Amino acid sequence: MIRSLFRLLAYIALSLAIIAAVLDAARSVGASHLIMTSLQDSWQSVSASSLALAEASIKTHIYPILWDPMMLWVLETPTFVVFALLAFVLYALGYRRQNRVGRFAAR
């Protein structure tokens, strides 16, 4: 059951990565140079208040130094890269291994 949830979340993250990549490609064609939107810019345009809330909660509740080097680095990476990596990790967590027994072997 939990593997199915991980795979579903992986497919959602993959679809978001594809949407972000298509939007960046369309912007790049329109501007005639490469444009890659960072996760921070995407998050800011969707919900600026939740970005500020995430920053405040990480700095106060989890670990303040985690925000500066780690989260700022993640927020500066392109959106489609973050969601593609998230999709890969979630799919790896939800992956069901194939049976090692051969197809025609007795079980």
PDB file of N, CA and C in Angstrom:
ATOM      1  N   MET A   1       0.813  -1.190   0.000  1.00  0.00           N
ATOM      2  CA  MET A   1       0.000   0.000   0.000  1.00  0.00           C
ATOM      3  C   MET A   1       0.862   1.262   0.000  1.00  0.00           C
ATOM      4  N   ILE A   2       1.914   1.271   0.834  1.00  0.00           N
ATOM      5  CA  ILE A   2       2.765   2.452   0.917  1.00  0.00           C
ATOM      6  C   ILE A   2       3.597   2.610  -0.355  1.00  0.00           C
ATOM      7  N   ARG A   3       3.952   1.477  -0.985  1.00  0.00           N
ATOM      8  CA  ARG A   3       4.693   1.562  -2.248  1.00  0.00           C
ATOM      9  C   ARG A   3       3.851   2.201  -3.336  1.00  0.00           C
ATOM     10  N   SER A   4       2.580   1.900  -3.332  1.00  0.00           N
ATOM     11  CA  SER A   4       1.693   2.511  -4.318  1.00  0.00           C
ATOM     12  C   SER A   4       1.606   4.017  -4.105  1.00  0.00           C
ATOM     13  N   LEU A   5       1.595   4.438  -2.865  1.00  0.00           N
ATOM     14  CA  LEU A   5       1.569   5.870  -2.562  1.00  0.00           C
ATOM     15  C   LEU A   5       2.851   6.552  -3.039  1.00  0.00           C
ATOM     16  N   PHE A   6       4.006   5.902  -2.811  1.00  0.00           N
ATOM     17  CA  PHE A   6       5.274   6.460  -3.279  1.00  0.00           C
ATOM     18  C   PHE A   6       5.291   6.565  -4.803  1.00  0.00           C
ATOM     19  N   ARG A   7       4.783   5.529  -5.486  1.00  0.00           N
ATOM     20  CA  ARG A   7       4.758   5.578  -6.950  1.00  0.00           C
ATOM     21  C   ARG A   7       3.815   6.655  -7.451  1.00  0.00           C
ATOM     22  N   LEU A   8       2.675   6.833  -6.794  1.00  0.00           N
ATOM     23  CA  LEU A   8       1.745   7.885  -7.189  1.00  0.00           C
ATOM     24  C   LEU A   8       2.392   9.265  -7.008  1.00  0.00           C
ATOM     25  N   LEU A   9       3.044   9.472  -5.888  1.00  0.00           N
ATOM     26  CA  LEU A   9       3.734  10.745  -5.655  1.00  0.00           C
ATOM     27  C   LEU A   9       4.872  10.945  -6.655  1.00  0.00           C
ATOM     28  N   ALA A  10       5.526   9.853  -7.057  1.00  0.00           N
ATOM     29  CA  ALA A  10       6.585   9.943  -8.064  1.00  0.00           C
ATOM     30  C   ALA A  10       6.017  10.377  -9.405  1.00  0.00           C
ATOM     31  N   TYR A  11       4.861   9.843  -9.781  1.00  0.00           N
ATOM     32  CA  TYR A  11       4.243  10.239 -11.051  1.00  0.00           C
ATOM     33  C   TYR A  11       3.779  11.689 -11.010  1.00  0.00           C
ATOM     34  N   ILE A  12       3.299  12.135  -9.872  1.00  0.00           N
ATOM     35  CA  ILE A  12       2.896  13.543  -9.737  1.00  0.00           C
ATOM     36  C   ILE A  12       4.120  14.450  -9.841  1.00  0.00           C
ATOM     37  N   ALA A  13       5.212  14.083  -9.161  1.00  0.00           N
ATOM     38  CA  ALA A  13       6.434  14.879  -9.227  1.00  0.00           C
ATOM     39  C   ALA A  13       7.005  14.883 -10.643  1.00  0.00           C
ATOM     40  N   LEU A  14       6.919  13.751 -11.338  1.00  0.00           N
ATOM     41  CA  LEU A  14       7.403  13.694 -12.711  1.00  0.00           C
ATOM     42  C   LEU A  14       6.570  14.574 -13.636  1.00  0.00           C
ATOM     43  N   SER A  15       5.263  14.580 -13.422  1.00  0.00           N
ATOM     44  CA  SER A  15       4.417  15.439 -14.254  1.00  0.00           C
ATOM     45  C   SER A  15       4.704  16.919 -13.978  1.00  0.00           C
ATOM     46  N   LEU A  16       4.971  17.275 -12.735  1.00  0.00           N
ATOM     47  CA  LEU A  16       5.342  18.651 -12.420  1.00  0.00           C
ATOM     48  C   LEU A  16       6.699  19.018 -13.036  1.00  0.00           C
ATOM     49  N   ALA A  17       7.625  18.068 -13.069  1.00  0.00           N
ATOM     50  CA  ALA A  17       8.921  18.315 -13.703  1.00  0.00           C
ATOM     51  C   ALA A  17       8.762  18.547 -15.201  1.00  0.00           C
ATOM     52  N   ILE A  18       7.896  17.772 -15.834  1.00  0.00           N
ATOM     53  CA  ILE A  18       7.667  17.938 -17.264  1.00  0.00           C
ATOM     54  C   ILE A  18       6.995  19.276 -17.548  1.00  0.00           C
ATOM     55  N   ILE A  19       6.030  19.644 -16.735  1.00  0.00           N
ATOM     56  CA  ILE A  19       5.351  20.936 -16.911  1.00  0.00           C
ATOM     57  C   ILE A  19       6.354  22.080 -16.756  1.00  0.00           C
ATOM     58  N   ALA A  20       7.207  22.004 -15.745  1.00  0.00           N
ATOM     59  CA  ALA A  20       8.203  23.060 -15.532  1.00  0.00           C
ATOM     60  C   ALA A  20       9.200  23.113 -16.681  1.00  0.00           C
ATOM     61  N   ALA A  21       9.593  21.959 -17.200  1.00  0.00           N
ATOM     62  CA  ALA A  21      10.535  21.936 -18.316  1.00  0.00           C
ATOM     63  C   ALA A  21       9.914  22.524 -19.581  1.00  0.00           C
ATOM     64  N   VAL A  22       8.647  22.218 -19.824  1.00  0.00           N
ATOM     65  CA  VAL A  22       7.966  22.772 -21.000  1.00  0.00           C
ATOM     66  C   VAL A  22       7.813  24.286 -20.867  1.00  0.00           C
ATOM     67  N   LEU A  23       7.475  24.764 -19.682  1.00  0.00           N
ATOM     68  CA  LEU A  23       7.366  26.209 -19.479  1.00  0.00           C
ATOM     69  C   LEU A  23       8.711  26.907 -19.682  1.00  0.00           C
ATOM     70  N   ASP A  24       9.787  26.316 -19.164  1.00  0.00           N
ATOM     71  CA  ASP A  24      11.110  26.899 -19.371  1.00  0.00           C
ATOM     72  C   ASP A  24      11.506  26.865 -20.842  1.00  0.00           C
ATOM     73  N   ALA A  25      11.158  25.785 -21.536  1.00  0.00           N
ATOM     74  CA  ALA A  25      11.472  25.698 -22.965  1.00  0.00           C
ATOM     75  C   ALA A  25      10.706  26.749 -23.756  1.00  0.00           C
ATOM     76  N   ALA A  26       9.452  26.957 -23.428  1.00  0.00           N
ATOM     77  CA  ALA A  26       8.660  27.974 -24.131  1.00  0.00           C
ATOM     78  C   ALA A  26       9.210  29.370 -23.864  1.00  0.00           C
ATOM     79  N   ARG A  27       9.608  29.626 -22.623  1.00  0.00           N
ATOM     80  CA  ARG A  27      10.201  30.933 -22.306  1.00  0.00           C
ATOM     81  C   ARG A  27      11.541  31.113 -23.014  1.00  0.00           C
ATOM     82  N   SER A  28      12.303  30.031 -23.124  1.00  0.00           N
ATOM     83  CA  SER A  28      13.598  30.102 -23.789  1.00  0.00           C
ATOM     84  C   SER A  28      13.441  30.383 -25.279  1.00  0.00           C
ATOM     85  N   VAL A  29      12.456  29.764 -25.905  1.00  0.00           N
ATOM     86  CA  VAL A  29      12.211  30.019 -27.328  1.00  0.00           C
ATOM     87  C   VAL A  29      11.769  31.459 -27.530  1.00  0.00           C
ATOM     88  N   GLY A  30      10.915  31.950 -26.666  1.00  0.00           N
ATOM     89  CA  GLY A  30      10.442  33.323 -26.777  1.00  0.00           C
ATOM     90  C   GLY A  30      11.534  34.356 -26.560  1.00  0.00           C
ATOM     91  N   ALA A  31      12.472  34.060 -25.668  1.00  0.00           N
ATOM     92  CA  ALA A  31      13.534  35.015 -25.359  1.00  0.00           C
ATOM     93  C   ALA A  31      14.785  34.811 -26.207  1.00  0.00           C
ATOM     94  N   SER A  32      14.850  33.735 -26.961  1.00  0.00           N
ATOM     95  CA  SER A  32      15.992  33.383 -27.820  1.00  0.00           C
ATOM     96  C   SER A  32      17.274  33.122 -27.033  1.00  0.00           C
ATOM     97  N   HIS A  33      17.148  32.777 -25.773  1.00  0.00           N
ATOM     98  CA  HIS A  33      18.283  32.303 -24.978  1.00  0.00           C
ATOM     99  C   HIS A  33      17.749  31.415 -23.869  1.00  0.00           C
ATOM    100  N   LEU A  34      18.634  30.652 -23.265  1.00  0.00           N
ATOM    101  CA  LEU A  34      18.234  29.657 -22.274  1.00  0.00           C
ATOM    102  C   LEU A  34      17.732  30.324 -20.997  1.00  0.00           C
ATOM    103  N   ILE A  35      16.529  29.928 -20.594  1.00  0.00           N
ATOM    104  CA  ILE A  35      15.945  30.410 -19.344  1.00  0.00           C
ATOM    105  C   ILE A  35      15.547  29.200 -18.507  1.00  0.00           C
ATOM    106  N   MET A  36      16.060  29.150 -17.289  1.00  0.00           N
ATOM    107  CA  MET A  36      15.679  28.090 -16.359  1.00  0.00           C
ATOM    108  C   MET A  36      15.188  28.744 -15.077  1.00  0.00           C
ATOM    109  N   THR A  37      13.942  28.523 -14.747  1.00  0.00           N
ATOM    110  CA  THR A  37      13.336  29.126 -13.572  1.00  0.00           C
ATOM    111  C   THR A  37      13.755  28.356 -12.326  1.00  0.00           C
ATOM    112  N   SER A  38      14.242  29.066 -11.329  1.00  0.00           N
ATOM    113  CA  SER A  38      14.650  28.405 -10.087  1.00  0.00           C
ATOM    114  C   SER A  38      13.412  28.013  -9.279  1.00  0.00           C
ATOM    115  N   LEU A  39      13.612  27.079  -8.365  1.00  0.00           N
ATOM    116  CA  LEU A  39      12.513  26.636  -7.515  1.00  0.00           C
ATOM    117  C   LEU A  39      12.001  27.784  -6.659  1.00  0.00           C
ATOM    118  N   GLN A  40      12.891  28.649  -6.228  1.00  0.00           N
ATOM    119  CA  GLN A  40      12.476  29.786  -5.413  1.00  0.00           C
ATOM    120  C   GLN A  40      11.559  30.722  -6.198  1.00  0.00           C
ATOM    121  N   ASP A  41      11.885  30.994  -7.451  1.00  0.00           N
ATOM    122  CA  ASP A  41      11.028  31.856  -8.271  1.00  0.00           C
ATOM    123  C   ASP A  41       9.670  31.208  -8.522  1.00  0.00           C
ATOM    124  N   SER A  42       9.681  29.904  -8.787  1.00  0.00           N
ATOM    125  CA  SER A  42       8.417  29.190  -9.017  1.00  0.00           C
ATOM    126  C   SER A  42       7.560  29.184  -7.762  1.00  0.00           C
ATOM    127  N   TRP A  43       8.193  28.899  -6.615  1.00  0.00           N
ATOM    128  CA  TRP A  43       7.465  28.852  -5.351  1.00  0.00           C
ATOM    129  C   TRP A  43       6.958  30.241  -4.985  1.00  0.00           C
ATOM    130  N   GLN A  44       7.774  31.261  -5.255  1.00  0.00           N
ATOM    131  CA  GLN A  44       7.387  32.638  -4.967  1.00  0.00           C
ATOM    132  C   GLN A  44       6.163  33.034  -5.782  1.00  0.00           C
ATOM    133  N   SER A  45       6.096  32.611  -7.033  1.00  0.00           N
ATOM    134  CA  SER A  45       4.961  32.991  -7.872  1.00  0.00           C
ATOM    135  C   SER A  45       3.699  32.220  -7.508  1.00  0.00           C
ATOM    136  N   VAL A  46       3.837  31.019  -6.977  1.00  0.00           N
ATOM    137  CA  VAL A  46       2.666  30.234  -6.592  1.00  0.00           C
ATOM    138  C   VAL A  46       2.141  30.669  -5.234  1.00  0.00           C
ATOM    139  N   SER A  47       3.031  30.737  -4.235  1.00  0.00           N
ATOM    140  CA  SER A  47       2.599  31.096  -2.886  1.00  0.00           C
ATOM    141  C   SER A  47       3.776  31.669  -2.102  1.00  0.00           C
ATOM    142  N   ALA A  48       3.861  32.975  -2.095  1.00  0.00           N
ATOM    143  CA  ALA A  48       4.974  33.637  -1.405  1.00  0.00           C
ATOM    144  C   ALA A  48       4.881  33.469   0.110  1.00  0.00           C
ATOM    145  N   SER A  49       3.658  33.429   0.637  1.00  0.00           N
ATOM    146  CA  SER A  49       3.508  33.311   2.085  1.00  0.00           C
ATOM    147  C   SER A  49       3.969  31.954   2.599  1.00  0.00           C
ATOM    148  N   SER A  50       3.748  30.887   1.826  1.00  0.00           N
ATOM    149  CA  SER A  50       4.190  29.568   2.286  1.00  0.00           C
ATOM    150  C   SER A  50       5.708  29.440   2.222  1.00  0.00           C
ATOM    151  N   LEU A  51       6.347  30.138   1.286  1.00  0.00           N
ATOM    152  CA  LEU A  51       7.810  30.140   1.240  1.00  0.00           C
ATOM    153  C   LEU A  51       8.375  30.824   2.480  1.00  0.00           C
ATOM    154  N   ALA A  52       7.791  31.945   2.859  1.00  0.00           N
ATOM    155  CA  ALA A  52       8.231  32.636   4.064  1.00  0.00           C
ATOM    156  C   ALA A  52       7.955  31.801   5.320  1.00  0.00           C
ATOM    157  N   LEU A  53       6.834  31.113   5.332  1.00  0.00           N
ATOM    158  CA  LEU A  53       6.500  30.242   6.459  1.00  0.00           C
ATOM    159  C   LEU A  53       7.473  29.066   6.551  1.00  0.00           C
ATOM    160  N   ALA A  54       7.834  28.489   5.404  1.00  0.00           N
ATOM    161  CA  ALA A  54       8.799  27.381   5.402  1.00  0.00           C
ATOM    162  C   ALA A  54      10.157  27.848   5.908  1.00  0.00           C
ATOM    163  N   GLU A  55      10.577  29.029   5.480  1.00  0.00           N
ATOM    164  CA  GLU A  55      11.853  29.557   5.952  1.00  0.00           C
ATOM    165  C   GLU A  55      11.834  29.793   7.457  1.00  0.00           C
ATOM    166  N   ALA A  56      10.764  30.384   7.953  1.00  0.00           N
ATOM    167  CA  ALA A  56      10.672  30.655   9.391  1.00  0.00           C
ATOM    168  C   ALA A  56      10.622  29.375  10.207  1.00  0.00           C
ATOM    169  N   SER A  57       9.876  28.389   9.733  1.00  0.00           N
ATOM    170  CA  SER A  57       9.764  27.147  10.507  1.00  0.00           C
ATOM    171  C   SER A  57      11.058  26.345  10.486  1.00  0.00           C
ATOM    172  N   ILE A  58      11.777  26.349   9.363  1.00  0.00           N
ATOM    173  CA  ILE A  58      13.054  25.636   9.321  1.00  0.00           C
ATOM    174  C   ILE A  58      14.072  26.335  10.214  1.00  0.00           C
ATOM    175  N   LYS A  59      14.095  27.650  10.178  1.00  0.00           N
ATOM    176  CA  LYS A  59      15.071  28.388  10.994  1.00  0.00           C
ATOM    177  C   LYS A  59      14.789  28.275  12.484  1.00  0.00           C
ATOM    178  N   THR A  60      13.524  28.197  12.879  1.00  0.00           N
ATOM    179  CA  THR A  60      13.222  28.170  14.306  1.00  0.00           C
ATOM    180  C   THR A  60      13.091  26.760  14.867  1.00  0.00           C
ATOM    181  N   HIS A  61      12.470  25.850  14.126  1.00  0.00           N
ATOM    182  CA  HIS A  61      12.160  24.536  14.695  1.00  0.00           C
ATOM    183  C   HIS A  61      13.176  23.454  14.368  1.00  0.00           C
ATOM    184  N   ILE A  62      13.720  23.459  13.190  1.00  0.00           N
ATOM    185  CA  ILE A  62      14.591  22.346  12.799  1.00  0.00           C
ATOM    186  C   ILE A  62      16.054  22.662  13.119  1.00  0.00           C
ATOM    187  N   TYR A  63      16.666  23.481  12.289  1.00  0.00           N
ATOM    188  CA  TYR A  63      18.065  23.826  12.494  1.00  0.00           C
ATOM    189  C   TYR A  63      18.363  25.064  11.664  1.00  0.00           C
ATOM    190  N   PRO A  64      18.767  26.157  12.283  1.00  0.00           N
ATOM    191  CA  PRO A  64      18.930  27.419  11.536  1.00  0.00           C
ATOM    192  C   PRO A  64      19.972  27.364  10.431  1.00  0.00           C
ATOM    193  N   ILE A  65      21.052  26.634  10.647  1.00  0.00           N
ATOM    194  CA  ILE A  65      22.113  26.604   9.640  1.00  0.00           C
ATOM    195  C   ILE A  65      21.711  25.746   8.441  1.00  0.00           C
ATOM    196  N   LEU A  66      20.673  24.952   8.569  1.00  0.00           N
ATOM    197  CA  LEU A  66      20.197  24.140   7.458  1.00  0.00           C
ATOM    198  C   LEU A  66      19.625  25.015   6.352  1.00  0.00           C
ATOM    199  N   TRP A  67      19.066  26.162   6.703  1.00  0.00           N
ATOM    200  CA  TRP A  67      18.451  27.017   5.686  1.00  0.00           C
ATOM    201  C   TRP A  67      19.502  27.638   4.765  1.00  0.00           C
ATOM    202  N   ASP A  68      20.559  28.203   5.357  1.00  0.00           N
ATOM    203  CA  ASP A  68      21.507  28.955   4.532  1.00  0.00           C
ATOM    204  C   ASP A  68      22.231  28.100   3.497  1.00  0.00           C
ATOM    205  N   PRO A  69      23.011  27.125   3.842  1.00  0.00           N
ATOM    206  CA  PRO A  69      23.710  26.447   2.742  1.00  0.00           C
ATOM    207  C   PRO A  69      22.838  25.454   1.982  1.00  0.00           C
ATOM    208  N   MET A  70      22.024  24.694   2.694  1.00  0.00           N
ATOM    209  CA  MET A  70      21.290  23.603   2.031  1.00  0.00           C
ATOM    210  C   MET A  70      20.062  24.095   1.279  1.00  0.00           C
ATOM    211  N   MET A  71      19.150  24.723   1.959  1.00  0.00           N
ATOM    212  CA  MET A  71      17.884  25.097   1.339  1.00  0.00           C
ATOM    213  C   MET A  71      18.061  26.180   0.283  1.00  0.00           C
ATOM    214  N   LEU A  72      18.974  27.100   0.493  1.00  0.00           N
ATOM    215  CA  LEU A  72      19.201  28.119  -0.529  1.00  0.00           C
ATOM    216  C   LEU A  72      19.800  27.504  -1.790  1.00  0.00           C
ATOM    217  N   TRP A  73      20.639  26.479  -1.634  1.00  0.00           N
ATOM    218  CA  TRP A  73      21.185  25.771  -2.788  1.00  0.00           C
ATOM    219  C   TRP A  73      20.074  25.035  -3.536  1.00  0.00           C
ATOM    220  N   VAL A  74      19.182  24.376  -2.792  1.00  0.00           N
ATOM    221  CA  VAL A  74      18.059  23.667  -3.421  1.00  0.00           C
ATOM    222  C   VAL A  74      17.113  24.653  -4.103  1.00  0.00           C
ATOM    223  N   LEU A  75      16.860  25.779  -3.463  1.00  0.00           N
ATOM    224  CA  LEU A  75      15.946  26.763  -4.038  1.00  0.00           C
ATOM    225  C   LEU A  75      16.521  27.441  -5.282  1.00  0.00           C
ATOM    226  N   GLU A  76      17.824  27.451  -5.453  1.00  0.00           N
ATOM    227  CA  GLU A  76      18.431  28.064  -6.635  1.00  0.00           C
ATOM    228  C   GLU A  76      18.513  27.113  -7.823  1.00  0.00           C
ATOM    229  N   THR A  77      18.321  25.818  -7.613  1.00  0.00           N
ATOM    230  CA  THR A  77      18.352  24.876  -8.734  1.00  0.00           C
ATOM    231  C   THR A  77      17.074  25.018  -9.561  1.00  0.00           C
ATOM    232  N   PRO A  78      17.143  24.653 -10.835  1.00  0.00           N
ATOM    233  CA  PRO A  78      15.944  24.755 -11.679  1.00  0.00           C
ATOM    234  C   PRO A  78      14.814  23.866 -11.164  1.00  0.00           C
ATOM    235  N   THR A  79      13.603  24.325 -11.360  1.00  0.00           N
ATOM    236  CA  THR A  79      12.429  23.626 -10.834  1.00  0.00           C
ATOM    237  C   THR A  79      12.304  22.224 -11.399  1.00  0.00           C
ATOM    238  N   PHE A  80      12.523  22.077 -12.712  1.00  0.00           N
ATOM    239  CA  PHE A  80      12.341  20.760 -13.308  1.00  0.00           C
ATOM    240  C   PHE A  80      13.371  19.756 -12.804  1.00  0.00           C
ATOM    241  N   VAL A  81      14.560  20.214 -12.432  1.00  0.00           N
ATOM    242  CA  VAL A  81      15.582  19.313 -11.896  1.00  0.00           C
ATOM    243  C   VAL A  81      15.176  18.817 -10.510  1.00  0.00           C
ATOM    244  N   VAL A  82      14.680  19.705  -9.680  1.00  0.00           N
ATOM    245  CA  VAL A  82      14.265  19.330  -8.324  1.00  0.00           C
ATOM    246  C   VAL A  82      13.136  18.308  -8.372  1.00  0.00           C
ATOM    247  N   PHE A  83      12.129  18.568  -9.209  1.00  0.00           N
ATOM    248  CA  PHE A  83      11.005  17.637  -9.270  1.00  0.00           C
ATOM    249  C   PHE A  83      11.379  16.331  -9.955  1.00  0.00           C
ATOM    250  N   ALA A  84      12.305  16.356 -10.912  1.00  0.00           N
ATOM    251  CA  ALA A  84      12.753  15.117 -11.543  1.00  0.00           C
ATOM    252  C   ALA A  84      13.522  14.245 -10.550  1.00  0.00           C
ATOM    253  N   LEU A  85      14.394  14.861  -9.752  1.00  0.00           N
ATOM    254  CA  LEU A  85      15.116  14.101  -8.726  1.00  0.00           C
ATOM    255  C   LEU A  85      14.171  13.567  -7.653  1.00  0.00           C
ATOM    256  N   LEU A  86      13.188  14.383  -7.275  1.00  0.00           N
ATOM    257  CA  LEU A  86      12.198  13.929  -6.302  1.00  0.00           C
ATOM    258  C   LEU A  86      11.402  12.750  -6.852  1.00  0.00           C
ATOM    259  N   ALA A  87      11.051  12.809  -8.125  1.00  0.00           N
ATOM    260  CA  ALA A  87      10.318  11.699  -8.751  1.00  0.00           C
ATOM    261  C   ALA A  87      11.164  10.438  -8.771  1.00  0.00           C
ATOM    262  N   PHE A  88      12.455  10.580  -9.061  1.00  0.00           N
ATOM    263  CA  PHE A  88      13.343   9.422  -9.074  1.00  0.00           C
ATOM    264  C   PHE A  88      13.457   8.779  -7.695  1.00  0.00           C
ATOM    265  N   VAL A  89      13.628   9.608  -6.673  1.00  0.00           N
ATOM    266  CA  VAL A  89      13.763   9.077  -5.303  1.00  0.00           C
ATOM    267  C   VAL A  89      12.461   8.414  -4.850  1.00  0.00           C
ATOM    268  N   LEU A  90      11.330   9.050  -5.121  1.00  0.00           N
ATOM    269  CA  LEU A  90      10.049   8.463  -4.721  1.00  0.00           C
ATOM    270  C   LEU A  90       9.760   7.167  -5.467  1.00  0.00           C
ATOM    271  N   TYR A  91      10.121   7.121  -6.744  1.00  0.00           N
ATOM    272  CA  TYR A  91       9.898   5.887  -7.496  1.00  0.00           C
ATOM    273  C   TYR A  91      10.823   4.775  -7.001  1.00  0.00           C
ATOM    274  N   ALA A  92      12.046   5.133  -6.631  1.00  0.00           N
ATOM    275  CA  ALA A  92      12.968   4.133  -6.091  1.00  0.00           C
ATOM    276  C   ALA A  92      12.455   3.587  -4.756  1.00  0.00           C
ATOM    277  N   LEU A  93      11.839   4.443  -3.949  1.00  0.00           N
ATOM    278  CA  LEU A  93      11.271   3.975  -2.679  1.00  0.00           C
ATOM    279  C   LEU A  93      10.057   3.078  -2.903  1.00  0.00           C
ATOM    280  N   GLY A  94       9.309   3.334  -3.952  1.00  0.00           N
ATOM    281  CA  GLY A  94       8.105   2.552  -4.213  1.00  0.00           C
ATOM    282  C   GLY A  94       8.289   1.429  -5.194  1.00  0.00           C
ATOM    283  N   TYR A  95       9.529   1.162  -5.608  1.00  0.00           N
ATOM    284  CA  TYR A  95       9.798   0.140  -6.613  1.00  0.00           C
ATOM    285  C   TYR A  95       9.572  -1.251  -6.035  1.00  0.00           C
ATOM    286  N   ARG A  96       8.882  -2.062  -6.785  1.00  0.00           N
ATOM    287  CA  ARG A  96       8.652  -3.454  -6.389  1.00  0.00           C
ATOM    288  C   ARG A  96       9.601  -4.329  -7.193  1.00  0.00           C
ATOM    289  N   ARG A  97      10.459  -5.052  -6.504  1.00  0.00           N
ATOM    290  CA  ARG A  97      11.441  -5.894  -7.187  1.00  0.00           C
ATOM    291  C   ARG A  97      10.750  -7.071  -7.867  1.00  0.00           C
ATOM    292  N   GLN A  98      11.328  -7.437  -9.004  1.00  0.00           N
ATOM    293  CA  GLN A  98      10.833  -8.613  -9.712  1.00  0.00           C
ATOM    294  C   GLN A  98      11.304  -9.861  -8.977  1.00  0.00           C
ATOM    295  N   ASN A  99      10.531 -10.903  -9.111  1.00  0.00           N
ATOM    296  CA  ASN A  99      10.871 -12.173  -8.483  1.00  0.00           C
ATOM    297  C   ASN A  99      12.125 -12.742  -9.130  1.00  0.00           C
ATOM    298  N   ARG A 100      13.071 -13.206  -8.347  1.00  0.00           N
ATOM    299  CA  ARG A 100      14.326 -13.745  -8.891  1.00  0.00           C
ATOM    300  C   ARG A 100      14.117 -15.123  -9.507  1.00  0.00           C
ATOM    301  N   VAL A 101      13.055 -15.781  -9.146  1.00  0.00           N
ATOM    302  CA  VAL A 101      12.784 -17.105  -9.690  1.00  0.00           C
ATOM    303  C   VAL A 101      12.446 -16.941 -11.159  1.00  0.00           C
ATOM    304  N   GLY A 102      12.941 -17.851 -11.990  1.00  0.00           N
ATOM    305  CA  GLY A 102      12.699 -17.780 -13.423  1.00  0.00           C
ATOM    306  C   GLY A 102      11.222 -17.898 -13.760  1.00  0.00           C
ATOM    307  N   ARG A 103      10.921 -17.548 -14.988  1.00  0.00           N
ATOM    308  CA  ARG A 103       9.528 -17.544 -15.420  1.00  0.00           C
ATOM    309  C   ARG A 103       8.916 -18.933 -15.428  1.00  0.00           C
ATOM    310  N   PHE A 104       9.724 -19.904 -15.771  1.00  0.00           N
ATOM    311  CA  PHE A 104       9.208 -21.265 -15.930  1.00  0.00           C
ATOM    312  C   PHE A 104       9.578 -22.186 -14.759  1.00  0.00           C
ATOM    313  N   ALA A 105      10.181 -21.634 -13.740  1.00  0.00           N
ATOM    314  CA  ALA A 105      10.575 -22.444 -12.592  1.00  0.00           C
ATOM    315  C   ALA A 105       9.371 -22.698 -11.688  1.00  0.00           C
ATOM    316  N   ALA A 106       9.415 -23.812 -10.978  1.00  0.00           N
ATOM    317  CA  ALA A 106       8.328 -24.129 -10.048  1.00  0.00           C
ATOM    318  C   ALA A 106       8.443 -23.236  -8.828  1.00  0.00           C
ATOM    319  N   ARG A 107       7.325 -22.879  -8.312  1.00  0.00           N
ATOM    320  CA  ARG A 107       7.321 -22.005  -7.136  1.00  0.00           C
ATOM    321  C   ARG A 107       6.953 -22.748  -5.913  1.00  0.00           C
TER     322      ARG A 107
END
